[in-house]
Amino acid sequence: MKITIKRKYRFLVALALLLSILVVVISNFTIEFSAQGKTFTDPILIPKNKVGLVLGTSRMQVEGGVNPYYAHRINATIELFKAGKIEFVLVSGDNGSIYYNEPTTIKKDLVKGGIPDEKIFLDYAGFRTLDSMVRAKYIFGLDSVTVISQKFHNERAIYLAEKKGLKAIGFNAEGISGQQGVKVQFREYFARVKVFIDLLLNTQPRFYGEKIEIK
């Protein structure tokens, strides 16, 4: 009797593990397939959009030093603006406390890089990628946008945007290799599963607020 129960338990655990892996694989494939031909690394080849939406991340690493994901997104945004492929920049990030303000920090570095202050708009309620995409459409009134982040992030953002009625392409900031890159890519697999859970539950942004026109 005990042996039979153990076998059933092992079977159920194995089945649950197999289904979990299958969900991760399907989620990843669906998002990658959907974004095919919609992300670019060359500013000459990317279509022009009125607004580039740079997705926020922390400037500093926990262990010290500038976060390379942050630095590459700043550089990509400046490159795209100077190439004339966007007219305005919308910075969307976390402003969860008085001690942490991604949009303002990013704006300061963009201005240092040569983008005029008046060309930069801030979304202080971009707590998640979903929030950033939905708010770009409903708060900032965009019908199309160029998302600026690393390729894996752009693919997820594009999928979410299009599911929410926002046409999106992505300009890929330089990625990161090594242990740090592997850890982020691993987390991305589960973030992609969360995309489908959010869509199924019709998850909404934490905040909406007054509409802002970018002009």
C-alpha atoms as a PDB file:
ATOM      1  CA  MET A   1       0.000   0.000   0.000  1.00  0.00           C
ATOM      2  CA  LYS A   2       2.773   2.442   0.976  1.00  0.00           C
ATOM      3  CA  ILE A   3       4.677   1.602  -2.218  1.00  0.00           C
ATOM      4  CA  THR A   4       1.587   2.332  -4.339  1.00  0.00           C
ATOM      5  CA  ILE A   5       1.056   5.710  -2.645  1.00  0.00           C
ATOM      6  CA  LYS A   6       4.717   6.611  -3.163  1.00  0.00           C
ATOM      7  CA  ARG A   7       4.500   5.690  -6.836  1.00  0.00           C
ATOM      8  CA  LYS A   8       1.391   7.803  -7.292  1.00  0.00           C
ATOM      9  CA  TYR A   9       3.050  10.719  -5.528  1.00  0.00           C
ATOM     10  CA  ARG A  10       6.160  10.444  -7.691  1.00  0.00           C
ATOM     11  CA  PHE A  11       4.004  10.225 -10.803  1.00  0.00           C
ATOM     12  CA  LEU A  12       2.064  13.351  -9.853  1.00  0.00           C
ATOM     13  CA  VAL A  13       5.263  15.266  -9.070  1.00  0.00           C
ATOM     14  CA  ALA A  14       6.790  14.211 -12.389  1.00  0.00           C
ATOM     15  CA  LEU A  15       3.602  15.164 -14.230  1.00  0.00           C
ATOM     16  CA  ALA A  16       3.459  18.573 -12.547  1.00  0.00           C
ATOM     17  CA  LEU A  17       7.118  19.190 -13.427  1.00  0.00           C
ATOM     18  CA  LEU A  18       6.548  18.173 -17.039  1.00  0.00           C
ATOM     19  CA  LEU A  19       3.511  20.437 -17.353  1.00  0.00           C
ATOM     20  CA  SER A  20       5.426  23.344 -15.806  1.00  0.00           C
ATOM     21  CA  ILE A  21       8.257  22.928 -18.296  1.00  0.00           C
ATOM     22  CA  LEU A  22       5.747  22.706 -21.136  1.00  0.00           C
ATOM     23  CA  VAL A  23       4.055  25.947 -20.041  1.00  0.00           C
ATOM     24  CA  VAL A  24       7.414  27.747 -19.886  1.00  0.00           C
ATOM     25  CA  VAL A  25       8.432  26.482 -23.336  1.00  0.00           C
ATOM     26  CA  ILE A  26       5.113  27.385 -24.974  1.00  0.00           C
ATOM     27  CA  SER A  27       5.042  30.841 -23.346  1.00  0.00           C
ATOM     28  CA  ASN A  28       8.583  31.570 -24.470  1.00  0.00           C
ATOM     29  CA  PHE A  29       7.975  30.330 -28.027  1.00  0.00           C
ATOM     30  CA  THR A  30       4.720  32.275 -28.394  1.00  0.00           C
ATOM     31  CA  ILE A  31       6.293  35.582 -27.375  1.00  0.00           C
ATOM     32  CA  GLU A  32       9.417  35.077 -29.480  1.00  0.00           C
ATOM     33  CA  PHE A  33       7.378  34.087 -32.535  1.00  0.00           C
ATOM     34  CA  SER A  34       5.033  37.043 -32.123  1.00  0.00           C
ATOM     35  CA  ALA A  35       7.957  39.503 -32.005  1.00  0.00           C
ATOM     36  CA  GLN A  36       9.754  38.170 -35.079  1.00  0.00           C
ATOM     37  CA  GLY A  37      10.744  41.003 -37.421  1.00  0.00           C
ATOM     38  CA  LYS A  38       9.678  43.631 -34.882  1.00  0.00           C
ATOM     39  CA  THR A  39      12.956  44.214 -33.040  1.00  0.00           C
ATOM     40  CA  PHE A  40      15.989  46.002 -34.490  1.00  0.00           C
ATOM     41  CA  THR A  41      19.623  46.571 -33.574  1.00  0.00           C
ATOM     42  CA  ASP A  42      20.516  48.981 -36.393  1.00  0.00           C
ATOM     43  CA  PRO A  43      19.082  52.528 -36.064  1.00  0.00           C
ATOM     44  CA  ILE A  44      19.260  52.905 -39.849  1.00  0.00           C
ATOM     45  CA  LEU A  45      16.913  49.974 -40.456  1.00  0.00           C
ATOM     46  CA  ILE A  46      14.325  50.618 -37.750  1.00  0.00           C
ATOM     47  CA  PRO A  47      11.144  52.451 -38.843  1.00  0.00           C
ATOM     48  CA  LYS A  48      10.568  55.920 -37.416  1.00  0.00           C
ATOM     49  CA  ASN A  49       8.143  56.494 -34.563  1.00  0.00           C
ATOM     50  CA  LYS A  50       7.125  59.683 -32.819  1.00  0.00           C
ATOM     51  CA  VAL A  51       7.941  58.284 -29.368  1.00  0.00           C
ATOM     52  CA  GLY A  52      10.580  55.951 -27.994  1.00  0.00           C
ATOM     53  CA  LEU A  53       9.605  54.267 -24.743  1.00  0.00           C
ATOM     54  CA  VAL A  54      12.598  53.362 -22.595  1.00  0.00           C
ATOM     55  CA  LEU A  55      11.808  50.831 -19.893  1.00  0.00           C
ATOM     56  CA  GLY A  56      13.292  51.608 -16.526  1.00  0.00           C
ATOM     57  CA  THR A  57      15.689  49.617 -14.406  1.00  0.00           C
ATOM     58  CA  SER A  58      17.906  50.471 -11.466  1.00  0.00           C
ATOM     59  CA  ARG A  59      21.001  52.552 -12.196  1.00  0.00           C
ATOM     60  CA  MET A  60      23.211  50.866  -9.630  1.00  0.00           C
ATOM     61  CA  GLN A  61      23.860  47.213  -8.919  1.00  0.00           C
ATOM     62  CA  VAL A  62      23.399  45.815  -5.420  1.00  0.00           C
ATOM     63  CA  GLU A  63      27.042  44.797  -5.352  1.00  0.00           C
ATOM     64  CA  GLY A  64      28.124  48.241  -6.545  1.00  0.00           C
ATOM     65  CA  GLY A  65      28.836  49.867  -9.882  1.00  0.00           C
ATOM     66  CA  VAL A  66      26.526  50.980 -12.666  1.00  0.00           C
ATOM     67  CA  ASN A  67      24.022  48.390 -13.858  1.00  0.00           C
ATOM     68  CA  PRO A  68      25.097  47.503 -17.433  1.00  0.00           C
ATOM     69  CA  TYR A  69      21.471  46.942 -18.480  1.00  0.00           C
ATOM     70  CA  TYR A  70      20.773  50.530 -17.450  1.00  0.00           C
ATOM     71  CA  ALA A  71      23.847  51.949 -19.196  1.00  0.00           C
ATOM     72  CA  HIS A  72      23.067  50.141 -22.449  1.00  0.00           C
ATOM     73  CA  ARG A  73      19.451  51.365 -22.448  1.00  0.00           C
ATOM     74  CA  ILE A  74      20.628  54.943 -21.981  1.00  0.00           C
ATOM     75  CA  ASN A  75      23.094  54.584 -24.860  1.00  0.00           C
ATOM     76  CA  ALA A  76      20.502  52.964 -27.126  1.00  0.00           C
ATOM     77  CA  THR A  77      17.977  55.730 -26.462  1.00  0.00           C
ATOM     78  CA  ILE A  78      20.499  58.465 -27.231  1.00  0.00           C
ATOM     79  CA  GLU A  79      21.605  56.646 -30.385  1.00  0.00           C
ATOM     80  CA  LEU A  80      18.032  56.280 -31.623  1.00  0.00           C
ATOM     81  CA  PHE A  81      17.175  59.922 -30.916  1.00  0.00           C
ATOM     82  CA  LYS A  82      20.297  61.245 -32.631  1.00  0.00           C
ATOM     83  CA  ALA A  83      19.552  59.023 -35.641  1.00  0.00           C
ATOM     84  CA  GLY A  84      16.240  60.874 -36.009  1.00  0.00           C
ATOM     85  CA  LYS A  85      14.151  57.738 -35.517  1.00  0.00           C
ATOM     86  CA  ILE A  86      12.224  59.138 -32.548  1.00  0.00           C
ATOM     87  CA  GLU A  87      11.130  62.697 -31.760  1.00  0.00           C
ATOM     88  CA  PHE A  88      10.309  62.246 -28.080  1.00  0.00           C
ATOM     89  CA  VAL A  89      11.320  59.917 -25.265  1.00  0.00           C
ATOM     90  CA  LEU A  90       8.886  58.502 -22.738  1.00  0.00           C
ATOM     91  CA  VAL A  91      10.690  57.121 -19.692  1.00  0.00           C
ATOM     92  CA  SER A  92       8.604  54.569 -17.830  1.00  0.00           C
ATOM     93  CA  GLY A  93       9.808  53.206 -14.522  1.00  0.00           C
ATOM     94  CA  ASP A  94       9.366  52.635 -10.828  1.00  0.00           C
ATOM     95  CA  ASN A  95       8.989  55.584  -8.483  1.00  0.00           C
ATOM     96  CA  GLY A  96       7.910  53.562  -5.494  1.00  0.00           C
ATOM     97  CA  SER A  97       9.495  55.735  -2.805  1.00  0.00           C
ATOM     98  CA  ILE A  98      11.278  59.034  -2.240  1.00  0.00           C
ATOM     99  CA  TYR A  99      14.543  57.082  -2.240  1.00  0.00           C
ATOM    100  CA  TYR A 100      14.002  55.309  -5.561  1.00  0.00           C
ATOM    101  CA  ASN A 101      13.081  57.139  -8.752  1.00  0.00           C
ATOM    102  CA  GLU A 102      13.955  55.426 -12.032  1.00  0.00           C
ATOM    103  CA  PRO A 103      12.349  57.948 -14.455  1.00  0.00           C
ATOM    104  CA  THR A 104      14.071  61.049 -13.037  1.00  0.00           C
ATOM    105  CA  THR A 105      17.444  59.293 -12.866  1.00  0.00           C
ATOM    106  CA  ILE A 106      17.159  58.116 -16.468  1.00  0.00           C
ATOM    107  CA  LYS A 107      16.106  61.567 -17.641  1.00  0.00           C
ATOM    108  CA  LYS A 108      19.193  63.166 -16.101  1.00  0.00           C
ATOM    109  CA  ASP A 109      21.465  60.768 -17.992  1.00  0.00           C
ATOM    110  CA  LEU A 110      19.550  61.251 -21.254  1.00  0.00           C
ATOM    111  CA  VAL A 111      19.905  65.017 -20.970  1.00  0.00           C
ATOM    112  CA  LYS A 112      23.625  64.580 -20.284  1.00  0.00           C
ATOM    113  CA  GLY A 113      23.752  62.533 -23.466  1.00  0.00           C
ATOM    114  CA  GLY A 114      22.332  65.358 -25.550  1.00  0.00           C
ATOM    115  CA  ILE A 115      18.573  64.814 -25.592  1.00  0.00           C
ATOM    116  CA  PRO A 116      16.771  68.115 -24.864  1.00  0.00           C
ATOM    117  CA  ASP A 117      14.865  68.268 -21.589  1.00  0.00           C
ATOM    118  CA  GLU A 118      11.617  69.256 -23.316  1.00  0.00           C
ATOM    119  CA  LYS A 119      11.730  66.133 -25.487  1.00  0.00           C
ATOM    120  CA  ILE A 120      11.566  63.807 -22.495  1.00  0.00           C
ATOM    121  CA  PHE A 121       8.341  62.794 -20.729  1.00  0.00           C
ATOM    122  CA  LEU A 122       8.190  60.757 -17.540  1.00  0.00           C
ATOM    123  CA  ASP A 123       5.854  57.982 -16.498  1.00  0.00           C
ATOM    124  CA  TYR A 124       6.344  57.535 -12.770  1.00  0.00           C
ATOM    125  CA  ALA A 125       3.938  54.576 -12.556  1.00  0.00           C
ATOM    126  CA  GLY A 126       5.704  52.110 -14.825  1.00  0.00           C
ATOM    127  CA  PHE A 127       6.043  49.570 -12.039  1.00  0.00           C
ATOM    128  CA  ARG A 128       5.851  46.619 -14.431  1.00  0.00           C
ATOM    129  CA  THR A 129       6.175  46.157 -18.176  1.00  0.00           C
ATOM    130  CA  LEU A 130       2.417  45.663 -18.378  1.00  0.00           C
ATOM    131  CA  ASP A 131       1.841  48.988 -16.619  1.00  0.00           C
ATOM    132  CA  SER A 132       4.247  50.745 -18.997  1.00  0.00           C
ATOM    133  CA  MET A 133       2.535  49.430 -22.118  1.00  0.00           C
ATOM    134  CA  VAL A 134      -1.031  50.069 -21.006  1.00  0.00           C
ATOM    135  CA  ARG A 135      -0.239  53.547 -19.692  1.00  0.00           C
ATOM    136  CA  ALA A 136       1.602  54.446 -22.918  1.00  0.00           C
ATOM    137  CA  LYS A 137      -1.670  53.897 -24.748  1.00  0.00           C
ATOM    138  CA  TYR A 138      -4.295  55.155 -22.315  1.00  0.00           C
ATOM    139  CA  ILE A 139      -2.457  57.856 -20.359  1.00  0.00           C
ATOM    140  CA  PHE A 140      -0.044  59.154 -22.996  1.00  0.00           C
ATOM    141  CA  GLY A 141      -2.373  58.542 -25.953  1.00  0.00           C
ATOM    142  CA  LEU A 142       0.023  56.574 -28.138  1.00  0.00           C
ATOM    143  CA  ASP A 143      -1.103  54.364 -31.014  1.00  0.00           C
ATOM    144  CA  SER A 144       2.415  53.188 -31.840  1.00  0.00           C
ATOM    145  CA  VAL A 145       5.731  53.211 -30.021  1.00  0.00           C
ATOM    146  CA  THR A 146       9.352  52.095 -30.213  1.00  0.00           C
ATOM    147  CA  VAL A 147      10.270  50.197 -27.056  1.00  0.00           C
ATOM    148  CA  ILE A 148      13.890  50.533 -25.932  1.00  0.00           C
ATOM    149  CA  SER A 149      15.350  47.760 -23.791  1.00  0.00           C
ATOM    150  CA  GLN A 150      17.267  44.509 -24.224  1.00  0.00           C
ATOM    151  CA  LYS A 151      15.909  42.159 -26.903  1.00  0.00           C
ATOM    152  CA  PHE A 152      14.365  39.642 -24.503  1.00  0.00           C
ATOM    153  CA  HIS A 153      12.547  42.459 -22.705  1.00  0.00           C
ATOM    154  CA  ASN A 154      11.462  44.117 -25.942  1.00  0.00           C
ATOM    155  CA  GLU A 155       9.899  40.872 -27.161  1.00  0.00           C
ATOM    156  CA  ARG A 156       7.775  40.582 -24.033  1.00  0.00           C
ATOM    157  CA  ALA A 157       6.847  44.269 -24.115  1.00  0.00           C
ATOM    158  CA  ILE A 158       5.805  44.059 -27.776  1.00  0.00           C
ATOM    159  CA  TYR A 159       3.583  41.064 -27.093  1.00  0.00           C
ATOM    160  CA  LEU A 160       1.909  42.799 -24.163  1.00  0.00           C
ATOM    161  CA  ALA A 161       1.515  46.060 -26.085  1.00  0.00           C
ATOM    162  CA  GLU A 162      -0.199  44.420 -29.027  1.00  0.00           C
ATOM    163  CA  LYS A 163      -2.544  42.485 -26.759  1.00  0.00           C
ATOM    164  CA  LYS A 164      -3.534  45.849 -25.261  1.00  0.00           C
ATOM    165  CA  GLY A 165      -4.068  47.550 -28.629  1.00  0.00           C
ATOM    166  CA  LEU A 166      -0.737  49.375 -28.922  1.00  0.00           C
ATOM    167  CA  LYS A 167       1.387  48.818 -32.029  1.00  0.00           C
ATOM    168  CA  ALA A 168       5.009  48.356 -30.968  1.00  0.00           C
ATOM    169  CA  ILE A 169       8.456  47.676 -32.337  1.00  0.00           C
ATOM    170  CA  GLY A 170      11.670  47.380 -30.339  1.00  0.00           C
ATOM    171  CA  PHE A 171      15.149  48.863 -30.517  1.00  0.00           C
ATOM    172  CA  ASN A 172      17.495  46.415 -28.838  1.00  0.00           C
ATOM    173  CA  ALA A 173      19.987  47.760 -26.342  1.00  0.00           C
ATOM    174  CA  GLU A 174      23.149  45.723 -25.941  1.00  0.00           C
ATOM    175  CA  GLY A 175      22.676  42.596 -23.868  1.00  0.00           C
ATOM    176  CA  ILE A 176      24.811  41.122 -21.114  1.00  0.00           C
ATOM    177  CA  SER A 177      26.729  37.848 -21.224  1.00  0.00           C
ATOM    178  CA  GLY A 178      28.235  35.813 -18.415  1.00  0.00           C
ATOM    179  CA  GLN A 179      26.666  34.836 -15.095  1.00  0.00           C
ATOM    180  CA  GLN A 180      24.644  38.021 -14.734  1.00  0.00           C
ATOM    181  CA  GLY A 181      23.137  37.599 -18.185  1.00  0.00           C
ATOM    182  CA  VAL A 182      22.248  33.962 -17.539  1.00  0.00           C
ATOM    183  CA  LYS A 183      20.461  34.843 -14.273  1.00  0.00           C
ATOM    184  CA  VAL A 184      18.385  37.554 -15.952  1.00  0.00           C
ATOM    185  CA  GLN A 185      17.513  35.306 -18.894  1.00  0.00           C
ATOM    186  CA  PHE A 186      16.422  32.571 -16.487  1.00  0.00           C
ATOM    187  CA  ARG A 187      14.077  34.964 -14.685  1.00  0.00           C
ATOM    188  CA  GLU A 188      12.724  36.067 -18.052  1.00  0.00           C
ATOM    189  CA  TYR A 189      11.305  32.604 -18.734  1.00  0.00           C
ATOM    190  CA  PHE A 190       9.032  32.935 -15.715  1.00  0.00           C
ATOM    191  CA  ALA A 191       8.212  36.567 -16.493  1.00  0.00           C
ATOM    192  CA  ARG A 192       6.851  35.344 -19.821  1.00  0.00           C
ATOM    193  CA  VAL A 193       4.600  32.828 -18.106  1.00  0.00           C
ATOM    194  CA  LYS A 194       3.335  35.691 -15.923  1.00  0.00           C
ATOM    195  CA  VAL A 195       2.361  37.563 -19.101  1.00  0.00           C
ATOM    196  CA  PHE A 196      -0.264  34.947 -19.911  1.00  0.00           C
ATOM    197  CA  ILE A 197      -1.508  34.809 -16.342  1.00  0.00           C
ATOM    198  CA  ASP A 198      -1.956  38.604 -16.370  1.00  0.00           C
ATOM    199  CA  LEU A 199      -3.785  38.486 -19.698  1.00  0.00           C
ATOM    200  CA  LEU A 200      -6.029  35.684 -18.479  1.00  0.00           C
ATOM    201  CA  LEU A 201      -6.883  37.610 -15.307  1.00  0.00           C
ATOM    202  CA  ASN A 202      -7.107  40.936 -17.168  1.00  0.00           C
ATOM    203  CA  THR A 203      -4.612  42.461 -14.732  1.00  0.00           C
ATOM    204  CA  GLN A 204      -4.641  46.263 -14.803  1.00  0.00           C
ATOM    205  CA  PRO A 205      -1.905  48.820 -14.071  1.00  0.00           C
ATOM    206  CA  ARG A 206      -1.551  49.878 -10.470  1.00  0.00           C
ATOM    207  CA  PHE A 207      -2.438  53.463 -11.435  1.00  0.00           C
ATOM    208  CA  TYR A 208      -4.040  55.290 -14.336  1.00  0.00           C
ATOM    209  CA  GLY A 209      -4.487  59.017 -13.658  1.00  0.00           C
ATOM    210  CA  GLU A 210      -4.777  62.146 -15.792  1.00  0.00           C
ATOM    211  CA  LYS A 211      -3.986  61.943 -19.499  1.00  0.00           C
ATOM    212  CA  ILE A 212      -0.770  63.542 -20.742  1.00  0.00           C
ATOM    213  CA  GLU A 213      -0.224  64.606 -24.346  1.00  0.00           C
ATOM    214  CA  ILE A 214       3.251  64.193 -25.782  1.00  0.00           C
ATOM    215  CA  LYS A 215       4.012  67.145 -28.025  1.00  0.00           C
END
